Amino acid sequence: MRFLVVEDDGIIAFDIVSRLKELGCGDVSVAATGAAAIRQAERLQPHLIFMDIALKGGMDGIEAAEVIRDRFGIPIVYVTAHSDPAVRNRAMATSPAGYIVKPFTTADLVCAIRSALRTP
């Protein structure tokens, strides 16, 4: 399985990648901006994307998720510190496969993967 982590904080990106690799998810790529996420989604065709909402650059994670969903149909799980109702409602309008609030646990990632990919 291929995963894409979209996170502009290198420490958090490293943490997510490390946890995924510990779970046996060996094919994990990282993007730091919305534009890079779209390019990598097209090139890599990952099975699942973990997307931060607040990204550097001209496009936030919600905008990137909309493009990725419309163009490629790849499921997206938001991993974000944003628990503000307005932001959450905007994110939920993109029909995500999940929404994890930071700080998160490895169990949160496992549940999100299983739910998004409908695996036991």
PDB file of N, CA and C in Angstrom:
ATOM      1  N   MET A   1       0.831  -1.181   0.000  1.00  0.00           N
ATOM      2  CA  MET A   1       0.000   0.000   0.000  1.00  0.00           C
ATOM      3  C   MET A   1       0.877   1.246   0.000  1.00  0.00           C
ATOM      4  N   ARG A   2       0.416   2.249  -0.706  1.00  0.00           N
ATOM      5  CA  ARG A   2       1.123   3.527  -0.774  1.00  0.00           C
ATOM      6  C   ARG A   2       0.357   4.584   0.026  1.00  0.00           C
ATOM      7  N   PHE A   3       1.112   5.375   0.780  1.00  0.00           N
ATOM      8  CA  PHE A   3       0.542   6.448   1.590  1.00  0.00           C
ATOM      9  C   PHE A   3       1.270   7.740   1.275  1.00  0.00           C
ATOM     10  N   LEU A   4       0.539   8.847   1.365  1.00  0.00           N
ATOM     11  CA  LEU A   4       1.125  10.167   1.217  1.00  0.00           C
ATOM     12  C   LEU A   4       0.777  10.969   2.462  1.00  0.00           C
ATOM     13  N   VAL A   5       1.790  11.547   3.082  1.00  0.00           N
ATOM     14  CA  VAL A   5       1.611  12.408   4.253  1.00  0.00           C
ATOM     15  C   VAL A   5       1.847  13.838   3.791  1.00  0.00           C
ATOM     16  N   VAL A   6       0.840  14.688   3.978  1.00  0.00           N
ATOM     17  CA  VAL A   6       0.955  16.092   3.589  1.00  0.00           C
ATOM     18  C   VAL A   6       1.011  16.907   4.874  1.00  0.00           C
ATOM     19  N   GLU A   7       2.205  17.378   5.185  1.00  0.00           N
ATOM     20  CA  GLU A   7       2.456  18.060   6.461  1.00  0.00           C
ATOM     21  C   GLU A   7       3.649  18.977   6.280  1.00  0.00           C
ATOM     22  N   ASP A   8       3.502  20.262   6.644  1.00  0.00           N
ATOM     23  CA  ASP A   8       4.607  21.202   6.470  1.00  0.00           C
ATOM     24  C   ASP A   8       5.514  21.311   7.684  1.00  0.00           C
ATOM     25  N   ASP A   9       5.165  20.669   8.774  1.00  0.00           N
ATOM     26  CA  ASP A   9       6.033  20.618   9.956  1.00  0.00           C
ATOM     27  C   ASP A   9       6.839  19.327   9.875  1.00  0.00           C
ATOM     28  N   GLY A  10       8.147  19.469   9.684  1.00  0.00           N
ATOM     29  CA  GLY A  10       9.003  18.300   9.477  1.00  0.00           C
ATOM     30  C   GLY A  10       8.976  17.303  10.613  1.00  0.00           C
ATOM     31  N   ILE A  11       8.878  17.778  11.842  1.00  0.00           N
ATOM     32  CA  ILE A  11       8.854  16.866  12.992  1.00  0.00           C
ATOM     33  C   ILE A  11       7.571  16.038  12.992  1.00  0.00           C
ATOM     34  N   ILE A  12       6.453  16.670  12.727  1.00  0.00           N
ATOM     35  CA  ILE A  12       5.181  15.940  12.702  1.00  0.00           C
ATOM     36  C   ILE A  12       5.144  14.983  11.517  1.00  0.00           C
ATOM     37  N   ALA A  13       5.645  15.430  10.359  1.00  0.00           N
ATOM     38  CA  ALA A  13       5.701  14.544   9.189  1.00  0.00           C
ATOM     39  C   ALA A  13       6.541  13.312   9.504  1.00  0.00           C
ATOM     40  N   PHE A  14       7.709  13.522  10.120  1.00  0.00           N
ATOM     41  CA  PHE A  14       8.581  12.414  10.497  1.00  0.00           C
ATOM     42  C   PHE A  14       7.868  11.466  11.458  1.00  0.00           C
ATOM     43  N   ASP A  15       7.131  12.023  12.430  1.00  0.00           N
ATOM     44  CA  ASP A  15       6.399  11.210  13.397  1.00  0.00           C
ATOM     45  C   ASP A  15       5.357  10.333  12.708  1.00  0.00           C
ATOM     46  N   ILE A  16       4.582  10.921  11.807  1.00  0.00           N
ATOM     47  CA  ILE A  16       3.550  10.150  11.106  1.00  0.00           C
ATOM     48  C   ILE A  16       4.192   9.063  10.253  1.00  0.00           C
ATOM     49  N   VAL A  17       5.227   9.430   9.498  1.00  0.00           N
ATOM     50  CA  VAL A  17       5.915   8.453   8.650  1.00  0.00           C
ATOM     51  C   VAL A  17       6.486   7.324   9.491  1.00  0.00           C
ATOM     52  N   SER A  18       7.123   7.655  10.603  1.00  0.00           N
ATOM     53  CA  SER A  18       7.707   6.637  11.485  1.00  0.00           C
ATOM     54  C   SER A  18       6.640   5.679  12.004  1.00  0.00           C
ATOM     55  N   ARG A  19       5.525   6.237  12.435  1.00  0.00           N
ATOM     56  CA  ARG A  19       4.442   5.382  12.950  1.00  0.00           C
ATOM     57  C   ARG A  19       3.882   4.482  11.857  1.00  0.00           C
ATOM     58  N   LEU A  20       3.713   5.034  10.662  1.00  0.00           N
ATOM     59  CA  LEU A  20       3.199   4.211   9.564  1.00  0.00           C
ATOM     60  C   LEU A  20       4.170   3.088   9.218  1.00  0.00           C
ATOM     61  N   LYS A  21       5.450   3.402   9.214  1.00  0.00           N
ATOM     62  CA  LYS A  21       6.445   2.362   8.912  1.00  0.00           C
ATOM     63  C   LYS A  21       6.485   1.301  10.004  1.00  0.00           C
ATOM     64  N   GLU A  22       6.313   1.701  11.274  1.00  0.00           N
ATOM     65  CA  GLU A  22       6.242   0.730  12.366  1.00  0.00           C
ATOM     66  C   GLU A  22       5.046  -0.206  12.191  1.00  0.00           C
ATOM     67  N   LEU A  23       4.000   0.304  11.558  1.00  0.00           N
ATOM     68  CA  LEU A  23       2.800  -0.507  11.304  1.00  0.00           C
ATOM     69  C   LEU A  23       2.956  -1.390  10.062  1.00  0.00           C
ATOM     70  N   GLY A  24       4.099  -1.279   9.396  1.00  0.00           N
ATOM     71  CA  GLY A  24       4.333  -2.097   8.217  1.00  0.00           C
ATOM     72  C   GLY A  24       3.958  -1.415   6.919  1.00  0.00           C
ATOM     73  N   CYS A  25       3.664  -0.128   6.992  1.00  0.00           N
ATOM     74  CA  CYS A  25       3.328   0.649   5.797  1.00  0.00           C
ATOM     75  C   CYS A  25       4.626   1.227   5.247  1.00  0.00           C
ATOM     76  N   GLY A  26       5.328   0.468   4.446  1.00  0.00           N
ATOM     77  CA  GLY A  26       6.662   0.846   4.019  1.00  0.00           C
ATOM     78  C   GLY A  26       6.731   1.879   2.925  1.00  0.00           C
ATOM     79  N   ASP A  27       5.702   2.034   2.114  1.00  0.00           N
ATOM     80  CA  ASP A  27       5.735   2.943   0.978  1.00  0.00           C
ATOM     81  C   ASP A  27       5.029   4.241   1.356  1.00  0.00           C
ATOM     82  N   VAL A  28       5.762   5.142   2.012  1.00  0.00           N
ATOM     83  CA  VAL A  28       5.191   6.391   2.517  1.00  0.00           C
ATOM     84  C   VAL A  28       5.990   7.556   1.951  1.00  0.00           C
ATOM     85  N   SER A  29       5.299   8.494   1.311  1.00  0.00           N
ATOM     86  CA  SER A  29       5.921   9.701   0.772  1.00  0.00           C
ATOM     87  C   SER A  29       5.404  10.911   1.533  1.00  0.00           C
ATOM     88  N   VAL A  30       6.108  12.029   1.400  1.00  0.00           N
ATOM     89  CA  VAL A  30       5.746  13.255   2.115  1.00  0.00           C
ATOM     90  C   VAL A  30       5.698  14.420   1.138  1.00  0.00           C
ATOM     91  N   ALA A  31       4.717  15.292   1.343  1.00  0.00           N
ATOM     92  CA  ALA A  31       4.617  16.567   0.635  1.00  0.00           C
ATOM     93  C   ALA A  31       4.404  17.644   1.684  1.00  0.00           C
ATOM     94  N   ALA A  32       4.933  18.849   1.438  1.00  0.00           N
ATOM     95  CA  ALA A  32       4.842  19.913   2.434  1.00  0.00           C
ATOM     96  C   ALA A  32       3.867  21.026   2.050  1.00  0.00           C
ATOM     97  N   THR A  33       3.372  21.029   0.809  1.00  0.00           N
ATOM     98  CA  THR A  33       2.436  22.057   0.372  1.00  0.00           C
ATOM     99  C   THR A  33       1.256  21.406  -0.351  1.00  0.00           C
ATOM    100  N   GLY A  34       0.195  22.176  -0.497  1.00  0.00           N
ATOM    101  CA  GLY A  34      -0.962  21.667  -1.225  1.00  0.00           C
ATOM    102  C   GLY A  34      -0.637  21.356  -2.672  1.00  0.00           C
ATOM    103  N   ALA A  35       0.113  22.245  -3.325  1.00  0.00           N
ATOM    104  CA  ALA A  35       0.483  22.021  -4.725  1.00  0.00           C
ATOM    105  C   ALA A  35       1.334  20.766  -4.879  1.00  0.00           C
ATOM    106  N   ALA A  36       2.289  20.562  -3.967  1.00  0.00           N
ATOM    107  CA  ALA A  36       3.125  19.361  -4.016  1.00  0.00           C
ATOM    108  C   ALA A  36       2.276  18.116  -3.768  1.00  0.00           C
ATOM    109  N   ALA A  37       1.291  18.229  -2.899  1.00  0.00           N
ATOM    110  CA  ALA A  37       0.409  17.091  -2.615  1.00  0.00           C
ATOM    111  C   ALA A  37      -0.348  16.670  -3.871  1.00  0.00           C
ATOM    112  N   ILE A  38      -0.833  17.636  -4.620  1.00  0.00           N
ATOM    113  CA  ILE A  38      -1.569  17.327  -5.856  1.00  0.00           C
ATOM    114  C   ILE A  38      -0.646  16.649  -6.857  1.00  0.00           C
ATOM    115  N   ARG A  39       0.551  17.197  -7.021  1.00  0.00           N
ATOM    116  CA  ARG A  39       1.515  16.584  -7.959  1.00  0.00           C
ATOM    117  C   ARG A  39       1.861  15.156  -7.554  1.00  0.00           C
ATOM    118  N   GLN A  40       2.132  14.955  -6.258  1.00  0.00           N
ATOM    119  CA  GLN A  40       2.496  13.609  -5.804  1.00  0.00           C
ATOM    120  C   GLN A  40       1.304  12.658  -5.862  1.00  0.00           C
ATOM    121  N   ALA A  41       0.121  13.149  -5.594  1.00  0.00           N
ATOM    122  CA  ALA A  41      -1.064  12.288  -5.698  1.00  0.00           C
ATOM    123  C   ALA A  41      -1.213  11.776  -7.124  1.00  0.00           C
ATOM    124  N   GLU A  42      -0.993  12.656  -8.092  1.00  0.00           N
ATOM    125  CA  GLU A  42      -1.095  12.247  -9.490  1.00  0.00           C
ATOM    126  C   GLU A  42      -0.002  11.246  -9.860  1.00  0.00           C
ATOM    127  N   ARG A  43       1.213  11.533  -9.424  1.00  0.00           N
ATOM    128  CA  ARG A  43       2.356  10.689  -9.792  1.00  0.00           C
ATOM    129  C   ARG A  43       2.362   9.349  -9.070  1.00  0.00           C
ATOM    130  N   LEU A  44       2.065   9.365  -7.765  1.00  0.00           N
ATOM    131  CA  LEU A  44       2.196   8.153  -6.945  1.00  0.00           C
ATOM    132  C   LEU A  44       0.917   7.330  -6.845  1.00  0.00           C
ATOM    133  N   GLN A  45      -0.240   7.982  -7.035  1.00  0.00           N
ATOM    134  CA  GLN A  45      -1.530   7.323  -6.860  1.00  0.00           C
ATOM    135  C   GLN A  45      -1.577   6.545  -5.541  1.00  0.00           C
ATOM    136  N   PRO A  46      -1.386   7.234  -4.413  1.00  0.00           N
ATOM    137  CA  PRO A  46      -1.403   6.532  -3.119  1.00  0.00           C
ATOM    138  C   PRO A  46      -2.791   5.978  -2.812  1.00  0.00           C
ATOM    139  N   HIS A  47      -2.832   4.992  -1.948  1.00  0.00           N
ATOM    140  CA  HIS A  47      -4.101   4.413  -1.532  1.00  0.00           C
ATOM    141  C   HIS A  47      -4.818   5.307  -0.526  1.00  0.00           C
ATOM    142  N   LEU A  48      -4.027   6.097   0.233  1.00  0.00           N
ATOM    143  CA  LEU A  48      -4.584   6.954   1.267  1.00  0.00           C
ATOM    144  C   LEU A  48      -3.649   8.141   1.503  1.00  0.00           C
ATOM    145  N   ILE A  49      -4.259   9.301   1.781  1.00  0.00           N
ATOM    146  CA  ILE A  49      -3.488  10.507   2.069  1.00  0.00           C
ATOM    147  C   ILE A  49      -3.850  11.002   3.457  1.00  0.00           C
ATOM    148  N   PHE A  50      -2.820  11.291   4.270  1.00  0.00           N
ATOM    149  CA  PHE A  50      -2.996  11.959   5.557  1.00  0.00           C
ATOM    150  C   PHE A  50      -2.662  13.426   5.321  1.00  0.00           C
ATOM    151  N   MET A  51      -3.647  14.310   5.503  1.00  0.00           N
ATOM    152  CA  MET A  51      -3.537  15.707   5.097  1.00  0.00           C
ATOM    153  C   MET A  51      -3.689  16.661   6.274  1.00  0.00           C
ATOM    154  N   ASP A  52      -2.679  17.510   6.477  1.00  0.00           N
ATOM    155  CA  ASP A  52      -2.813  18.602   7.438  1.00  0.00           C
ATOM    156  C   ASP A  52      -3.664  19.688   6.782  1.00  0.00           C
ATOM    157  N   ILE A  53      -4.382  20.451   7.581  1.00  0.00           N
ATOM    158  CA  ILE A  53      -5.212  21.519   7.024  1.00  0.00           C
ATOM    159  C   ILE A  53      -4.411  22.796   6.826  1.00  0.00           C
ATOM    160  N   ALA A  54      -3.646  23.194   7.833  1.00  0.00           N
ATOM    161  CA  ALA A  54      -2.863  24.428   7.754  1.00  0.00           C
ATOM    162  C   ALA A  54      -1.526  24.131   7.093  1.00  0.00           C
ATOM    163  N   LEU A  55      -1.386  24.544   5.849  1.00  0.00           N
ATOM    164  CA  LEU A  55      -0.153  24.317   5.099  1.00  0.00           C
ATOM    165  C   LEU A  55       0.424  25.652   4.647  1.00  0.00           C
ATOM    166  N   LYS A  56       1.737  25.697   4.513  1.00  0.00           N
ATOM    167  CA  LYS A  56       2.379  26.881   3.957  1.00  0.00           C
ATOM    168  C   LYS A  56       2.098  26.930   2.458  1.00  0.00           C
ATOM    169  N   GLY A  57       2.172  28.121   1.911  1.00  0.00           N
ATOM    170  CA  GLY A  57       1.917  28.281   0.485  1.00  0.00           C
ATOM    171  C   GLY A  57       0.527  28.852   0.257  1.00  0.00           C
ATOM    172  N   GLY A  58       0.134  28.942  -0.967  1.00  0.00           N
ATOM    173  CA  GLY A  58      -1.124  29.578  -1.321  1.00  0.00           C
ATOM    174  C   GLY A  58      -2.353  28.702  -1.223  1.00  0.00           C
ATOM    175  N   MET A  59      -2.194  27.446  -0.846  1.00  0.00           N
ATOM    176  CA  MET A  59      -3.311  26.505  -0.820  1.00  0.00           C
ATOM    177  C   MET A  59      -3.294  25.748   0.500  1.00  0.00           C
ATOM    178  N   ASP A  60      -4.430  25.734   1.199  1.00  0.00           N
ATOM    179  CA  ASP A  60      -4.467  24.948   2.433  1.00  0.00           C
ATOM    180  C   ASP A  60      -4.835  23.498   2.120  1.00  0.00           C
ATOM    181  N   GLY A  61      -4.833  22.666   3.147  1.00  0.00           N
ATOM    182  CA  GLY A  61      -5.085  21.245   2.958  1.00  0.00           C
ATOM    183  C   GLY A  61      -6.493  20.931   2.473  1.00  0.00           C
ATOM    184  N   ILE A  62      -7.447  21.748   2.850  1.00  0.00           N
ATOM    185  CA  ILE A  62      -8.827  21.513   2.406  1.00  0.00           C
ATOM    186  C   ILE A  62      -8.947  21.761   0.913  1.00  0.00           C
ATOM    187  N   GLU A  63      -8.339  22.837   0.438  1.00  0.00           N
ATOM    188  CA  GLU A  63      -8.361  23.117  -1.002  1.00  0.00           C
ATOM    189  C   GLU A  63      -7.651  22.012  -1.783  1.00  0.00           C
ATOM    190  N   ALA A  64      -6.501  21.571  -1.274  1.00  0.00           N
ATOM    191  CA  ALA A  64      -5.765  20.489  -1.931  1.00  0.00           C
ATOM    192  C   ALA A  64      -6.590  19.205  -1.930  1.00  0.00           C
ATOM    193  N   ALA A  65      -7.257  18.929  -0.822  1.00  0.00           N
ATOM    194  CA  ALA A  65      -8.080  17.719  -0.725  1.00  0.00           C
ATOM    195  C   ALA A  65      -9.213  17.732  -1.746  1.00  0.00           C
ATOM    196  N   GLU A  66      -9.818  18.898  -1.952  1.00  0.00           N
ATOM    197  CA  GLU A  66     -10.897  18.997  -2.943  1.00  0.00           C
ATOM    198  C   GLU A  66     -10.396  18.660  -4.339  1.00  0.00           C
ATOM    199  N   VAL A  67      -9.235  19.197  -4.697  1.00  0.00           N
ATOM    200  CA  VAL A  67      -8.664  18.923  -6.015  1.00  0.00           C
ATOM    201  C   VAL A  67      -8.335  17.443  -6.150  1.00  0.00           C
ATOM    202  N   ILE A  68      -7.696  16.888  -5.133  1.00  0.00           N
ATOM    203  CA  ILE A  68      -7.300  15.474  -5.174  1.00  0.00           C
ATOM    204  C   ILE A  68      -8.531  14.578  -5.260  1.00  0.00           C
ATOM    205  N   ARG A  69      -9.547  14.879  -4.477  1.00  0.00           N
ATOM    206  CA  ARG A  69     -10.778  14.085  -4.515  1.00  0.00           C
ATOM    207  C   ARG A  69     -11.411  14.143  -5.907  1.00  0.00           C
ATOM    208  N   ASP A  70     -11.525  15.353  -6.452  1.00  0.00           N
ATOM    209  CA  ASP A  70     -12.187  15.518  -7.750  1.00  0.00           C
ATOM    210  C   ASP A  70     -11.400  14.901  -8.896  1.00  0.00           C
ATOM    211  N   ARG A  71     -10.081  15.017  -8.871  1.00  0.00           N
ATOM    212  CA  ARG A  71      -9.259  14.509  -9.979  1.00  0.00           C
ATOM    213  C   ARG A  71      -8.932  13.025  -9.866  1.00  0.00           C
ATOM    214  N   PHE A  72      -8.661  12.560  -8.635  1.00  0.00           N
ATOM    215  CA  PHE A  72      -8.109  11.218  -8.490  1.00  0.00           C
ATOM    216  C   PHE A  72      -8.943  10.278  -7.624  1.00  0.00           C
ATOM    217  N   GLY A  73      -9.863  10.803  -6.850  1.00  0.00           N
ATOM    218  CA  GLY A  73     -10.711   9.966  -5.999  1.00  0.00           C
ATOM    219  C   GLY A  73      -9.973   9.249  -4.884  1.00  0.00           C
ATOM    220  N   ILE A  74      -8.849   9.793  -4.440  1.00  0.00           N
ATOM    221  CA  ILE A  74      -8.056   9.160  -3.383  1.00  0.00           C
ATOM    222  C   ILE A  74      -8.636   9.561  -2.024  1.00  0.00           C
ATOM    223  N   PRO A  75      -8.864   8.595  -1.129  1.00  0.00           N
ATOM    224  CA  PRO A  75      -9.382   8.948   0.197  1.00  0.00           C
ATOM    225  C   PRO A  75      -8.373   9.770   1.000  1.00  0.00           C
ATOM    226  N   ILE A  76      -8.921  10.712   1.764  1.00  0.00           N
ATOM    227  CA  ILE A  76      -8.090  11.616   2.558  1.00  0.00           C
ATOM    228  C   ILE A  76      -8.544  11.604   4.008  1.00  0.00           C
ATOM    229  N   VAL A  77      -7.562  11.505   4.908  1.00  0.00           N
ATOM    230  CA  VAL A  77      -7.798  11.630   6.337  1.00  0.00           C
ATOM    231  C   VAL A  77      -7.092  12.903   6.782  1.00  0.00           C
ATOM    232  N   TYR A  78      -7.849  13.828   7.348  1.00  0.00           N
ATOM    233  CA  TYR A  78      -7.240  15.033   7.887  1.00  0.00           C
ATOM    234  C   TYR A  78      -6.571  14.710   9.216  1.00  0.00           C
ATOM    235  N   VAL A  79      -5.349  15.199   9.391  1.00  0.00           N
ATOM    236  CA  VAL A  79      -4.625  15.092  10.657  1.00  0.00           C
ATOM    237  C   VAL A  79      -4.253  16.531  10.997  1.00  0.00           C
ATOM    238  N   THR A  80      -4.962  17.109  11.949  1.00  0.00           N
ATOM    239  CA  THR A  80      -4.849  18.546  12.145  1.00  0.00           C
ATOM    240  C   THR A  80      -5.030  18.968  13.590  1.00  0.00           C
ATOM    241  N   ALA A  81      -4.500  20.123  13.912  1.00  0.00           N
ATOM    242  CA  ALA A  81      -4.711  20.712  15.236  1.00  0.00           C
ATOM    243  C   ALA A  81      -5.998  21.531  15.251  1.00  0.00           C
ATOM    244  N   HIS A  82      -6.613  21.709  14.096  1.00  0.00           N
ATOM    245  CA  HIS A  82      -7.824  22.521  14.000  1.00  0.00           C
ATOM    246  C   HIS A  82      -9.046  21.753  14.486  1.00  0.00           C
ATOM    247  N   SER A  83      -9.582  22.197  15.613  1.00  0.00           N
ATOM    248  CA  SER A  83     -10.834  21.613  16.096  1.00  0.00           C
ATOM    249  C   SER A  83     -11.925  22.673  16.091  1.00  0.00           C
ATOM    250  N   ASP A  84     -11.620  23.845  15.525  1.00  0.00           N
ATOM    251  CA  ASP A  84     -12.586  24.919  15.395  1.00  0.00           C
ATOM    252  C   ASP A  84     -13.774  24.431  14.548  1.00  0.00           C
ATOM    253  N   PRO A  85     -15.003  24.628  15.016  1.00  0.00           N
ATOM    254  CA  PRO A  85     -16.171  24.129  14.281  1.00  0.00           C
ATOM    255  C   PRO A  85     -16.264  24.618  12.835  1.00  0.00           C
ATOM    256  N   ALA A  86     -15.910  25.864  12.566  1.00  0.00           N
ATOM    257  CA  ALA A  86     -15.996  26.379  11.195  1.00  0.00           C
ATOM    258  C   ALA A  86     -15.007  25.667  10.273  1.00  0.00           C
ATOM    259  N   VAL A  87     -13.795  25.459  10.765  1.00  0.00           N
ATOM    260  CA  VAL A  87     -12.782  24.752   9.970  1.00  0.00           C
ATOM    261  C   VAL A  87     -13.196  23.296   9.787  1.00  0.00           C
ATOM    262  N   ARG A  88     -13.652  22.671  10.866  1.00  0.00           N
ATOM    263  CA  ARG A  88     -14.088  21.273  10.790  1.00  0.00           C
ATOM    264  C   ARG A  88     -15.240  21.118   9.801  1.00  0.00           C
ATOM    265  N   ASN A  89     -16.201  22.036   9.827  1.00  0.00           N
ATOM    266  CA  ASN A  89     -17.332  21.959   8.898  1.00  0.00           C
ATOM    267  C   ASN A  89     -16.874  22.126   7.454  1.00  0.00           C
ATOM    268  N   ARG A  90     -15.940  23.039   7.224  1.00  0.00           N
ATOM    269  CA  ARG A  90     -15.390  23.217   5.875  1.00  0.00           C
ATOM    270  C   ARG A  90     -14.669  21.948   5.414  1.00  0.00           C
ATOM    271  N   ALA A  91     -13.915  21.339   6.325  1.00  0.00           N
ATOM    272  CA  ALA A  91     -13.211  20.098   5.982  1.00  0.00           C
ATOM    273  C   ALA A  91     -14.197  18.962   5.726  1.00  0.00           C
ATOM    274  N   MET A  92     -15.214  18.853   6.552  1.00  0.00           N
ATOM    275  CA  MET A  92     -16.177  17.761   6.402  1.00  0.00           C
ATOM    276  C   MET A  92     -16.964  17.869   5.095  1.00  0.00           C
ATOM    277  N   ALA A  93     -17.086  19.078   4.558  1.00  0.00           N
ATOM    278  CA  ALA A  93     -17.778  19.270   3.288  1.00  0.00           C
ATOM    279  C   ALA A  93     -17.028  18.609   2.130  1.00  0.00           C
ATOM    280  N   THR A  94     -15.763  18.233   2.338  1.00  0.00           N
ATOM    281  CA  THR A  94     -14.979  17.567   1.293  1.00  0.00           C
ATOM    282  C   THR A  94     -15.126  16.047   1.353  1.00  0.00           C
ATOM    283  N   SER A  95     -15.985  15.561   2.241  1.00  0.00           N
ATOM    284  CA  SER A  95     -16.224  14.109   2.399  1.00  0.00           C
ATOM    285  C   SER A  95     -14.943  13.331   2.695  1.00  0.00           C
ATOM    286  N   PRO A  96     -14.235  13.705   3.766  1.00  0.00           N
ATOM    287  CA  PRO A  96     -12.994  12.986   4.075  1.00  0.00           C
ATOM    288  C   PRO A  96     -13.278  11.568   4.570  1.00  0.00           C
ATOM    289  N   ALA A  97     -12.255  10.736   4.478  1.00  0.00           N
ATOM    290  CA  ALA A  97     -12.354   9.365   4.990  1.00  0.00           C
ATOM    291  C   ALA A  97     -12.142   9.345   6.494  1.00  0.00           C
ATOM    292  N   GLY A  98     -11.667  10.458   7.069  1.00  0.00           N
ATOM    293  CA  GLY A  98     -11.450  10.543   8.502  1.00  0.00           C
ATOM    294  C   GLY A  98     -10.937  11.908   8.898  1.00  0.00           C
ATOM    295  N   TYR A  99     -10.917  12.143  10.222  1.00  0.00           N
ATOM    296  CA  TYR A  99     -10.487  13.432  10.774  1.00  0.00           C
ATOM    297  C   TYR A  99      -9.848  13.139  12.122  1.00  0.00           C
ATOM    298  N   ILE A 100      -8.537  13.326  12.219  1.00  0.00           N
ATOM    299  CA  ILE A 100      -7.795  13.065  13.447  1.00  0.00           C
ATOM    300  C   ILE A 100      -7.288  14.396  13.985  1.00  0.00           C
ATOM    301  N   VAL A 101      -7.530  14.654  15.276  1.00  0.00           N
ATOM    302  CA  VAL A 101      -7.062  15.881  15.899  1.00  0.00           C
ATOM    303  C   VAL A 101      -5.736  15.617  16.610  1.00  0.00           C
ATOM    304  N   LYS A 102      -4.752  16.474  16.339  1.00  0.00           N
ATOM    305  CA  LYS A 102      -3.455  16.386  17.007  1.00  0.00           C
ATOM    306  C   LYS A 102      -3.616  16.837  18.447  1.00  0.00           C
ATOM    307  N   PRO A 103      -2.912  16.266  19.394  1.00  0.00           N
ATOM    308  CA  PRO A 103      -1.997  15.139  19.226  1.00  0.00           C
ATOM    309  C   PRO A 103      -2.785  13.842  19.016  1.00  0.00           C
ATOM    310  N   PHE A 104      -2.190  12.920  18.312  1.00  0.00           N
ATOM    311  CA  PHE A 104      -2.852  11.673  17.968  1.00  0.00           C
ATOM    312  C   PHE A 104      -2.018  10.493  18.440  1.00  0.00           C
ATOM    313  N   THR A 105      -2.633   9.327  18.425  1.00  0.00           N
ATOM    314  CA  THR A 105      -1.940   8.099  18.807  1.00  0.00           C
ATOM    315  C   THR A 105      -1.774   7.214  17.577  1.00  0.00           C
ATOM    316  N   THR A 106      -0.945   6.212  17.709  1.00  0.00           N
ATOM    317  CA  THR A 106      -0.817   5.235  16.632  1.00  0.00           C
ATOM    318  C   THR A 106      -2.150   4.533  16.409  1.00  0.00           C
ATOM    319  N   ALA A 107      -2.881   4.290  17.480  1.00  0.00           N
ATOM    320  CA  ALA A 107      -4.205   3.669  17.351  1.00  0.00           C
ATOM    321  C   ALA A 107      -5.137   4.524  16.503  1.00  0.00           C
ATOM    322  N   ASP A 108      -5.030   5.853  16.613  1.00  0.00           N
ATOM    323  CA  ASP A 108      -5.839   6.740  15.768  1.00  0.00           C
ATOM    324  C   ASP A 108      -5.520   6.512  14.293  1.00  0.00           C
ATOM    325  N   LEU A 109      -4.233   6.367  13.979  1.00  0.00           N
ATOM    326  CA  LEU A 109      -3.831   6.116  12.590  1.00  0.00           C
ATOM    327  C   LEU A 109      -4.356   4.775  12.104  1.00  0.00           C
ATOM    328  N   VAL A 110      -4.243   3.750  12.952  1.00  0.00           N
ATOM    329  CA  VAL A 110      -4.730   2.415  12.574  1.00  0.00           C
ATOM    330  C   VAL A 110      -6.229   2.455  12.289  1.00  0.00           C
ATOM    331  N   CYS A 111      -6.984   3.086  13.173  1.00  0.00           N
ATOM    332  CA  CYS A 111      -8.445   3.180  12.973  1.00  0.00           C
ATOM    333  C   CYS A 111      -8.769   3.928  11.693  1.00  0.00           C
ATOM    334  N   ALA A 112      -8.034   5.004  11.428  1.00  0.00           N
ATOM    335  CA  ALA A 112      -8.286   5.788  10.214  1.00  0.00           C
ATOM    336  C   ALA A 112      -7.992   4.967   8.970  1.00  0.00           C
ATOM    337  N   ILE A 113      -6.888   4.230   8.980  1.00  0.00           N
ATOM    338  CA  ILE A 113      -6.539   3.397   7.825  1.00  0.00           C
ATOM    339  C   ILE A 113      -7.596   2.341   7.591  1.00  0.00           C
ATOM    340  N   ARG A 114      -7.972   1.638   8.657  1.00  0.00           N
ATOM    341  CA  ARG A 114      -8.978   0.578   8.520  1.00  0.00           C
ATOM    342  C   ARG A 114     -10.314   1.119   8.038  1.00  0.00           C
ATOM    343  N   SER A 115     -10.708   2.251   8.576  1.00  0.00           N
ATOM    344  CA  SER A 115     -11.976   2.845   8.177  1.00  0.00           C
ATOM    345  C   SER A 115     -11.931   3.332   6.736  1.00  0.00           C
ATOM    346  N   ALA A 116     -10.867   4.043   6.385  1.00  0.00           N
ATOM    347  CA  ALA A 116     -10.755   4.606   5.043  1.00  0.00           C
ATOM    348  C   ALA A 116     -10.633   3.547   3.965  1.00  0.00           C
ATOM    349  N   LEU A 117      -9.918   2.483   4.280  1.00  0.00           N
ATOM    350  CA  LEU A 117      -9.687   1.426   3.289  1.00  0.00           C
ATOM    351  C   LEU A 117     -10.573   0.212   3.504  1.00  0.00           C
ATOM    352  N   ARG A 118     -11.418   0.304   4.524  1.00  0.00           N
ATOM    353  CA  ARG A 118     -12.375  -0.771   4.866  1.00  0.00           C
ATOM    354  C   ARG A 118     -11.695  -2.122   5.000  1.00  0.00           C
ATOM    355  N   THR A 119     -10.611  -2.124   5.818  1.00  0.00           N
ATOM    356  CA  THR A 119      -9.897  -3.375   6.085  1.00  0.00           C
ATOM    357  C   THR A 119     -10.137  -3.798   7.526  1.00  0.00           C
ATOM    358  N   PRO A 120     -10.114  -5.087   7.801  1.00  0.00           N
ATOM    359  CA  PRO A 120     -10.352  -5.568   9.181  1.00  0.00           C
ATOM    360  C   PRO A 120      -9.207  -5.265  10.116  1.00  0.00           C
TER     361      PRO A 120
END
